[in-house]
């Protein structure tokens, strides 16, 4: 036990909220890249689409799990 929590509780917390916070941070980084490169609307869309496809699976997994459990 670490700080009164089991390893399963800690890993469950960070798999849910830690990765979610990391996704928000990555969106900030992609926005900064689009802003500094003066990509315009279409260029920013391509950056968000290309770099953001990686974590859409994680978000879809959460939605699918919620839907199946209700």
PDB file of N, CA and C in Angstrom:
ATOM      1  N   UNK A   1       0.841  -1.180   0.000  1.00  0.00           N
ATOM      2  CA  UNK A   1       0.000   0.000   0.000  1.00  0.00           C
ATOM      3  C   UNK A   1       0.887   1.246   0.000  1.00  0.00           C
ATOM      4  N   UNK A   2       0.517   2.170  -0.828  1.00  0.00           N
ATOM      5  CA  UNK A   2       1.229   3.437  -0.932  1.00  0.00           C
ATOM      6  C   UNK A   2       0.240   4.537  -0.590  1.00  0.00           C
ATOM      7  N   UNK A   3       0.513   5.286   0.468  1.00  0.00           N
ATOM      8  CA  UNK A   3      -0.356   6.369   0.938  1.00  0.00           C
ATOM      9  C   UNK A   3      -1.783   5.879   1.195  1.00  0.00           C
ATOM     10  N   UNK A   4      -1.933   4.639   1.584  1.00  0.00           N
ATOM     11  CA  UNK A   4      -3.240   4.092   1.896  1.00  0.00           C
ATOM     12  C   UNK A   4      -4.020   3.589   0.702  1.00  0.00           C
ATOM     13  N   UNK A   5      -3.419   3.562  -0.471  1.00  0.00           N
ATOM     14  CA  UNK A   5      -4.078   3.085  -1.684  1.00  0.00           C
ATOM     15  C   UNK A   5      -3.372   1.841  -2.191  1.00  0.00           C
ATOM     16  N   UNK A   6      -4.131   0.947  -2.783  1.00  0.00           N
ATOM     17  CA  UNK A   6      -3.526  -0.237  -3.382  1.00  0.00           C
ATOM     18  C   UNK A   6      -2.975   0.107  -4.756  1.00  0.00           C
ATOM     19  N   UNK A   7      -2.163  -0.790  -5.274  1.00  0.00           N
ATOM     20  CA  UNK A   7      -1.578  -0.567  -6.591  1.00  0.00           C
ATOM     21  C   UNK A   7      -2.666  -0.515  -7.670  1.00  0.00           C
ATOM     22  N   UNK A   8      -3.697  -1.327  -7.523  1.00  0.00           N
ATOM     23  CA  UNK A   8      -4.787  -1.329  -8.498  1.00  0.00           C
ATOM     24  C   UNK A   8      -5.546  -0.001  -8.492  1.00  0.00           C
ATOM     25  N   UNK A   9      -5.755   0.585  -7.313  1.00  0.00           N
ATOM     26  CA  UNK A   9      -6.448   1.867  -7.234  1.00  0.00           C
ATOM     27  C   UNK A   9      -5.606   2.981  -7.861  1.00  0.00           C
ATOM     28  N   UNK A  10      -4.316   2.972  -7.600  1.00  0.00           N
ATOM     29  CA  UNK A  10      -3.432   4.007  -8.154  1.00  0.00           C
ATOM     30  C   UNK A  10      -3.367   3.894  -9.672  1.00  0.00           C
ATOM     31  N   UNK A  11      -3.188   2.670 -10.186  1.00  0.00           N
ATOM     32  CA  UNK A  11      -3.098   2.511 -11.632  1.00  0.00           C
ATOM     33  C   UNK A  11      -4.431   2.834 -12.304  1.00  0.00           C
ATOM     34  N   UNK A  12      -5.547   2.495 -11.681  1.00  0.00           N
ATOM     35  CA  UNK A  12      -6.846   2.845 -12.246  1.00  0.00           C
ATOM     36  C   UNK A  12      -7.058   4.339 -12.315  1.00  0.00           C
ATOM     37  N   UNK A  13      -6.620   5.049 -11.277  1.00  0.00           N
ATOM     38  CA  UNK A  13      -6.740   6.510 -11.260  1.00  0.00           C
ATOM     39  C   UNK A  13      -5.915   7.140 -12.380  1.00  0.00           C
ATOM     40  N   UNK A  14      -4.652   6.718 -12.497  1.00  0.00           N
ATOM     41  CA  UNK A  14      -3.789   7.337 -13.499  1.00  0.00           C
ATOM     42  C   UNK A  14      -4.127   6.909 -14.915  1.00  0.00           C
ATOM     43  N   UNK A  15      -4.691   5.717 -15.087  1.00  0.00           N
ATOM     44  CA  UNK A  15      -5.121   5.330 -16.430  1.00  0.00           C
ATOM     45  C   UNK A  15      -6.322   6.139 -16.877  1.00  0.00           C
ATOM     46  N   UNK A  16      -7.124   6.589 -15.942  1.00  0.00           N
ATOM     47  CA  UNK A  16      -8.290   7.395 -16.303  1.00  0.00           C
ATOM     48  C   UNK A  16      -7.954   8.877 -16.358  1.00  0.00           C
ATOM     49  N   UNK A  17      -7.503   9.429 -15.253  1.00  0.00           N
ATOM     50  CA  UNK A  17      -7.292  10.878 -15.167  1.00  0.00           C
ATOM     51  C   UNK A  17      -5.906  11.313 -15.626  1.00  0.00           C
ATOM     52  N   UNK A  18      -4.903  10.498 -15.417  1.00  0.00           N
ATOM     53  CA  UNK A  18      -3.552  10.854 -15.849  1.00  0.00           C
ATOM     54  C   UNK A  18      -3.441  10.923 -17.354  1.00  0.00           C
ATOM     55  N   UNK A  19      -3.990   9.928 -18.031  1.00  0.00           N
ATOM     56  CA  UNK A  19      -3.949   9.935 -19.492  1.00  0.00           C
ATOM     57  C   UNK A  19      -4.862  11.032 -20.039  1.00  0.00           C
ATOM     58  N   UNK A  20      -5.978  11.271 -19.367  1.00  0.00           N
ATOM     59  CA  UNK A  20      -6.850  12.370 -19.787  1.00  0.00           C
ATOM     60  C   UNK A  20      -6.149  13.722 -19.698  1.00  0.00           C
ATOM     61  N   UNK A  21      -5.411  13.931 -18.612  1.00  0.00           N
ATOM     62  CA  UNK A  21      -4.645  15.178 -18.465  1.00  0.00           C
ATOM     63  C   UNK A  21      -3.548  15.261 -19.518  1.00  0.00           C
ATOM     64  N   UNK A  22      -2.931  14.138 -19.838  1.00  0.00           N
ATOM     65  CA  UNK A  22      -1.900  14.113 -20.871  1.00  0.00           C
ATOM     66  C   UNK A  22      -2.494  14.460 -22.233  1.00  0.00           C
ATOM     67  N   UNK A  23      -3.705  14.002 -22.512  1.00  0.00           N
ATOM     68  CA  UNK A  23      -4.362  14.323 -23.778  1.00  0.00           C
ATOM     69  C   UNK A  23      -4.631  15.823 -23.870  1.00  0.00           C
ATOM     70  N   UNK A  24      -5.100  16.427 -22.784  1.00  0.00           N
ATOM     71  CA  UNK A  24      -5.344  17.874 -22.780  1.00  0.00           C
ATOM     72  C   UNK A  24      -4.039  18.630 -22.993  1.00  0.00           C
ATOM     73  N   UNK A  25      -2.964  18.167 -22.367  1.00  0.00           N
ATOM     74  CA  UNK A  25      -1.656  18.796 -22.549  1.00  0.00           C
ATOM     75  C   UNK A  25      -1.185  18.673 -24.002  1.00  0.00           C
ATOM     76  N   UNK A  26      -1.410  17.519 -24.616  1.00  0.00           N
ATOM     77  CA  UNK A  26      -1.024  17.331 -26.015  1.00  0.00           C
ATOM     78  C   UNK A  26      -1.833  18.245 -26.940  1.00  0.00           C
ATOM     79  N   UNK A  27      -3.119  18.459 -26.622  1.00  0.00           N
ATOM     80  CA  UNK A  27      -3.915  19.396 -27.418  1.00  0.00           C
ATOM     81  C   UNK A  27      -3.352  20.809 -27.317  1.00  0.00           C
ATOM     82  N   UNK A  28      -2.887  21.181 -26.129  1.00  0.00           N
ATOM     83  CA  UNK A  28      -2.247  22.481 -25.955  1.00  0.00           C
ATOM     84  C   UNK A  28      -0.981  22.581 -26.803  1.00  0.00           C
ATOM     85  N   UNK A  29      -0.178  21.538 -26.814  1.00  0.00           N
ATOM     86  CA  UNK A  29       1.060  21.541 -27.598  1.00  0.00           C
ATOM     87  C   UNK A  29       0.752  21.639 -29.090  1.00  0.00           C
ATOM     88  N   UNK A  30      -0.244  20.904 -29.565  1.00  0.00           N
ATOM     89  CA  UNK A  30      -0.614  20.970 -30.984  1.00  0.00           C
ATOM     90  C   UNK A  30      -1.112  22.374 -31.334  1.00  0.00           C
ATOM     91  N   UNK A  31      -1.884  22.988 -30.436  1.00  0.00           N
ATOM     92  CA  UNK A  31      -2.335  24.356 -30.656  1.00  0.00           C
ATOM     93  C   UNK A  31      -1.172  25.339 -30.729  1.00  0.00           C
ATOM     94  N   UNK A  32      -0.190  25.156 -29.859  1.00  0.00           N
ATOM     95  CA  UNK A  32       0.997  26.011 -29.895  1.00  0.00           C
ATOM     96  C   UNK A  32       1.767  25.839 -31.206  1.00  0.00           C
ATOM     97  N   UNK A  33       1.886  24.604 -31.675  1.00  0.00           N
ATOM     98  CA  UNK A  33       2.546  24.360 -32.959  1.00  0.00           C
ATOM     99  C   UNK A  33       1.811  25.063 -34.094  1.00  0.00           C
ATOM    100  N   UNK A  34       0.498  24.977 -34.093  1.00  0.00           N
ATOM    101  CA  UNK A  34      -0.288  25.630 -35.147  1.00  0.00           C
ATOM    102  C   UNK A  34      -0.152  27.149 -35.064  1.00  0.00           C
ATOM    103  N   UNK A  35      -0.127  27.684 -33.861  1.00  0.00           N
ATOM    104  CA  UNK A  35      -0.026  29.137 -33.685  1.00  0.00           C
ATOM    105  C   UNK A  35       1.347  29.657 -34.106  1.00  0.00           C
ATOM    106  N   UNK A  36       2.399  28.999 -33.653  1.00  0.00           N
ATOM    107  CA  UNK A  36       3.756  29.478 -33.942  1.00  0.00           C
ATOM    108  C   UNK A  36       4.138  29.304 -35.405  1.00  0.00           C
ATOM    109  N   UNK A  37       3.575  28.296 -36.065  1.00  0.00           N
ATOM    110  CA  UNK A  37       3.908  28.086 -37.471  1.00  0.00           C
ATOM    111  C   UNK A  37       3.016  28.891 -38.401  1.00  0.00           C
ATOM    112  N   UNK A  38       2.034  29.621 -37.818  1.00  0.00           N
ATOM    113  CA  UNK A  38       1.082  30.415 -38.604  1.00  0.00           C
ATOM    114  C   UNK A  38       0.439  29.536 -39.685  1.00  0.00           C
ATOM    115  N   UNK A  39      -0.083  28.407 -39.243  1.00  0.00           N
ATOM    116  CA  UNK A  39      -0.602  27.394 -40.165  1.00  0.00           C
ATOM    117  C   UNK A  39      -1.930  27.786 -40.789  1.00  0.00           C
ATOM    118  N   UNK A  40      -2.679  28.674 -40.204  1.00  0.00           N
ATOM    119  CA  UNK A  40      -3.993  29.014 -40.724  1.00  0.00           C
ATOM    120  C   UNK A  40      -5.023  27.989 -40.273  1.00  0.00           C
ATOM    121  N   UNK A  41      -6.240  28.179 -40.734  1.00  0.00           N
ATOM    122  CA  UNK A  41      -7.320  27.290 -40.278  1.00  0.00           C
ATOM    123  C   UNK A  41      -7.143  25.871 -40.802  1.00  0.00           C
ATOM    124  N   UNK A  42      -6.875  25.741 -42.094  1.00  0.00           N
ATOM    125  CA  UNK A  42      -6.751  24.404 -42.663  1.00  0.00           C
ATOM    126  C   UNK A  42      -5.508  23.703 -42.125  1.00  0.00           C
ATOM    127  N   UNK A  43      -4.400  24.419 -41.990  1.00  0.00           N
ATOM    128  CA  UNK A  43      -3.185  23.824 -41.451  1.00  0.00           C
ATOM    129  C   UNK A  43      -3.356  23.379 -40.009  1.00  0.00           C
ATOM    130  N   UNK A  44      -4.062  24.186 -39.215  1.00  0.00           N
ATOM    131  CA  UNK A  44      -4.329  23.797 -37.830  1.00  0.00           C
ATOM    132  C   UNK A  44      -5.233  22.571 -37.793  1.00  0.00           C
ATOM    133  N   UNK A  45      -6.213  22.519 -38.698  1.00  0.00           N
ATOM    134  CA  UNK A  45      -7.083  21.352 -38.770  1.00  0.00           C
ATOM    135  C   UNK A  45      -6.276  20.097 -39.089  1.00  0.00           C
ATOM    136  N   UNK A  46      -5.363  20.203 -40.035  1.00  0.00           N
ATOM    137  CA  UNK A  46      -4.539  19.055 -40.411  1.00  0.00           C
ATOM    138  C   UNK A  46      -3.642  18.646 -39.248  1.00  0.00           C
ATOM    139  N   UNK A  47      -3.082  19.612 -38.539  1.00  0.00           N
ATOM    140  CA  UNK A  47      -2.249  19.287 -37.366  1.00  0.00           C
ATOM    141  C   UNK A  47      -3.064  18.571 -36.297  1.00  0.00           C
ATOM    142  N   UNK A  48      -4.224  19.104 -35.967  1.00  0.00           N
ATOM    143  CA  UNK A  48      -5.061  18.471 -34.954  1.00  0.00           C
ATOM    144  C   UNK A  48      -5.545  17.097 -35.412  1.00  0.00           C
ATOM    145  N   UNK A  49      -5.866  16.973 -36.692  1.00  0.00           N
ATOM    146  CA  UNK A  49      -6.328  15.684 -37.204  1.00  0.00           C
ATOM    147  C   UNK A  49      -5.197  14.661 -37.201  1.00  0.00           C
ATOM    148  N   UNK A  50      -4.059  15.039 -37.744  1.00  0.00           N
ATOM    149  CA  UNK A  50      -2.949  14.104 -37.853  1.00  0.00           C
ATOM    150  C   UNK A  50      -2.345  13.718 -36.522  1.00  0.00           C
ATOM    151  N   UNK A  51      -2.142  14.687 -35.651  1.00  0.00           N
ATOM    152  CA  UNK A  51      -1.520  14.396 -34.370  1.00  0.00           C
ATOM    153  C   UNK A  51      -2.525  13.951 -33.320  1.00  0.00           C
ATOM    154  N   UNK A  52      -3.794  14.258 -33.538  1.00  0.00           N
ATOM    155  CA  UNK A  52      -4.798  13.906 -32.555  1.00  0.00           C
ATOM    156  C   UNK A  52      -5.482  12.576 -32.776  1.00  0.00           C
ATOM    157  N   UNK A  53      -5.215  11.924 -33.894  1.00  0.00           N
ATOM    158  CA  UNK A  53      -5.852  10.644 -34.179  1.00  0.00           C
ATOM    159  C   UNK A  53      -5.407   9.583 -33.180  1.00  0.00           C
ATOM    160  N   UNK A  54      -4.204   9.717 -32.666  1.00  0.00           N
ATOM    161  CA  UNK A  54      -3.669   8.714 -31.752  1.00  0.00           C
ATOM    162  C   UNK A  54      -4.483   8.523 -30.492  1.00  0.00           C
ATOM    163  N   UNK A  55      -5.052   9.583 -29.945  1.00  0.00           N
ATOM    164  CA  UNK A  55      -5.802   9.419 -28.699  1.00  0.00           C
ATOM    165  C   UNK A  55      -7.306   9.421 -28.878  1.00  0.00           C
ATOM    166  N   UNK A  56      -7.781   9.442 -30.093  1.00  0.00           N
ATOM    167  CA  UNK A  56      -9.227   9.286 -30.274  1.00  0.00           C
ATOM    168  C   UNK A  56      -9.667   7.871 -29.919  1.00  0.00           C
ATOM    169  N   UNK A  57      -8.784   6.904 -30.093  1.00  0.00           N
ATOM    170  CA  UNK A  57      -9.090   5.537 -29.689  1.00  0.00           C
ATOM    171  C   UNK A  57      -9.296   5.419 -28.192  1.00  0.00           C
ATOM    172  N   UNK A  58      -8.466   6.127 -27.430  1.00  0.00           N
ATOM    173  CA  UNK A  58      -8.612   6.115 -25.969  1.00  0.00           C
ATOM    174  C   UNK A  58      -9.937   6.738 -25.556  1.00  0.00           C
ATOM    175  N   UNK A  59     -10.301   7.838 -26.179  1.00  0.00           N
ATOM    176  CA  UNK A  59     -11.574   8.474 -25.860  1.00  0.00           C
ATOM    177  C   UNK A  59     -12.748   7.601 -26.283  1.00  0.00           C
ATOM    178  N   UNK A  60     -12.627   6.958 -27.442  1.00  0.00           N
ATOM    179  CA  UNK A  60     -13.696   6.077 -27.906  1.00  0.00           C
ATOM    180  C   UNK A  60     -13.834   4.876 -26.973  1.00  0.00           C
ATOM    181  N   UNK A  61     -12.732   4.376 -26.456  1.00  0.00           N
ATOM    182  CA  UNK A  61     -12.776   3.246 -25.524  1.00  0.00           C
ATOM    183  C   UNK A  61     -13.570   3.610 -24.273  1.00  0.00           C
ATOM    184  N   UNK A  62     -13.360   4.795 -23.758  1.00  0.00           N
ATOM    185  CA  UNK A  62     -14.097   5.238 -22.584  1.00  0.00           C
ATOM    186  C   UNK A  62     -15.583   5.352 -22.840  1.00  0.00           C
ATOM    187  N   UNK A  63     -15.934   5.888 -24.001  1.00  0.00           N
ATOM    188  CA  UNK A  63     -17.354   6.028 -24.360  1.00  0.00           C
ATOM    189  C   UNK A  63     -17.986   4.655 -24.551  1.00  0.00           C
ATOM    190  N   UNK A  64     -17.295   3.737 -25.213  1.00  0.00           N
ATOM    191  CA  UNK A  64     -17.830   2.398 -25.434  1.00  0.00           C
ATOM    192  C   UNK A  64     -18.008   1.656 -24.114  1.00  0.00           C
ATOM    193  N   UNK A  65     -17.030   1.768 -23.219  1.00  0.00           N
ATOM    194  CA  UNK A  65     -17.168   1.125 -21.910  1.00  0.00           C
ATOM    195  C   UNK A  65     -18.356   1.698 -21.137  1.00  0.00           C
ATOM    196  N   UNK A  66     -18.498   3.011 -21.169  1.00  0.00           N
ATOM    197  CA  UNK A  66     -19.640   3.630 -20.470  1.00  0.00           C
ATOM    198  C   UNK A  66     -20.956   3.135 -21.050  1.00  0.00           C
ATOM    199  N   UNK A  67     -21.027   3.047 -22.377  1.00  0.00           N
ATOM    200  CA  UNK A  67     -22.259   2.642 -23.020  1.00  0.00           C
ATOM    201  C   UNK A  67     -22.612   1.181 -22.718  1.00  0.00           C
ATOM    202  N   UNK A  68     -21.607   0.328 -22.682  1.00  0.00           N
ATOM    203  CA  UNK A  68     -21.861  -1.088 -22.423  1.00  0.00           C
ATOM    204  C   UNK A  68     -22.217  -1.349 -20.959  1.00  0.00           C
ATOM    205  N   UNK A  69     -21.775  -0.516 -20.036  1.00  0.00           N
ATOM    206  CA  UNK A  69     -22.022  -0.723 -18.621  1.00  0.00           C
ATOM    207  C   UNK A  69     -23.337  -0.135 -18.131  1.00  0.00           C
ATOM    208  N   UNK A  70     -23.959   0.713 -18.903  1.00  0.00           N
ATOM    209  CA  UNK A  70     -25.202   1.332 -18.419  1.00  0.00           C
ATOM    210  C   UNK A  70     -26.378   0.447 -18.557  1.00  0.00           C
TER     211      UNK A  70
END
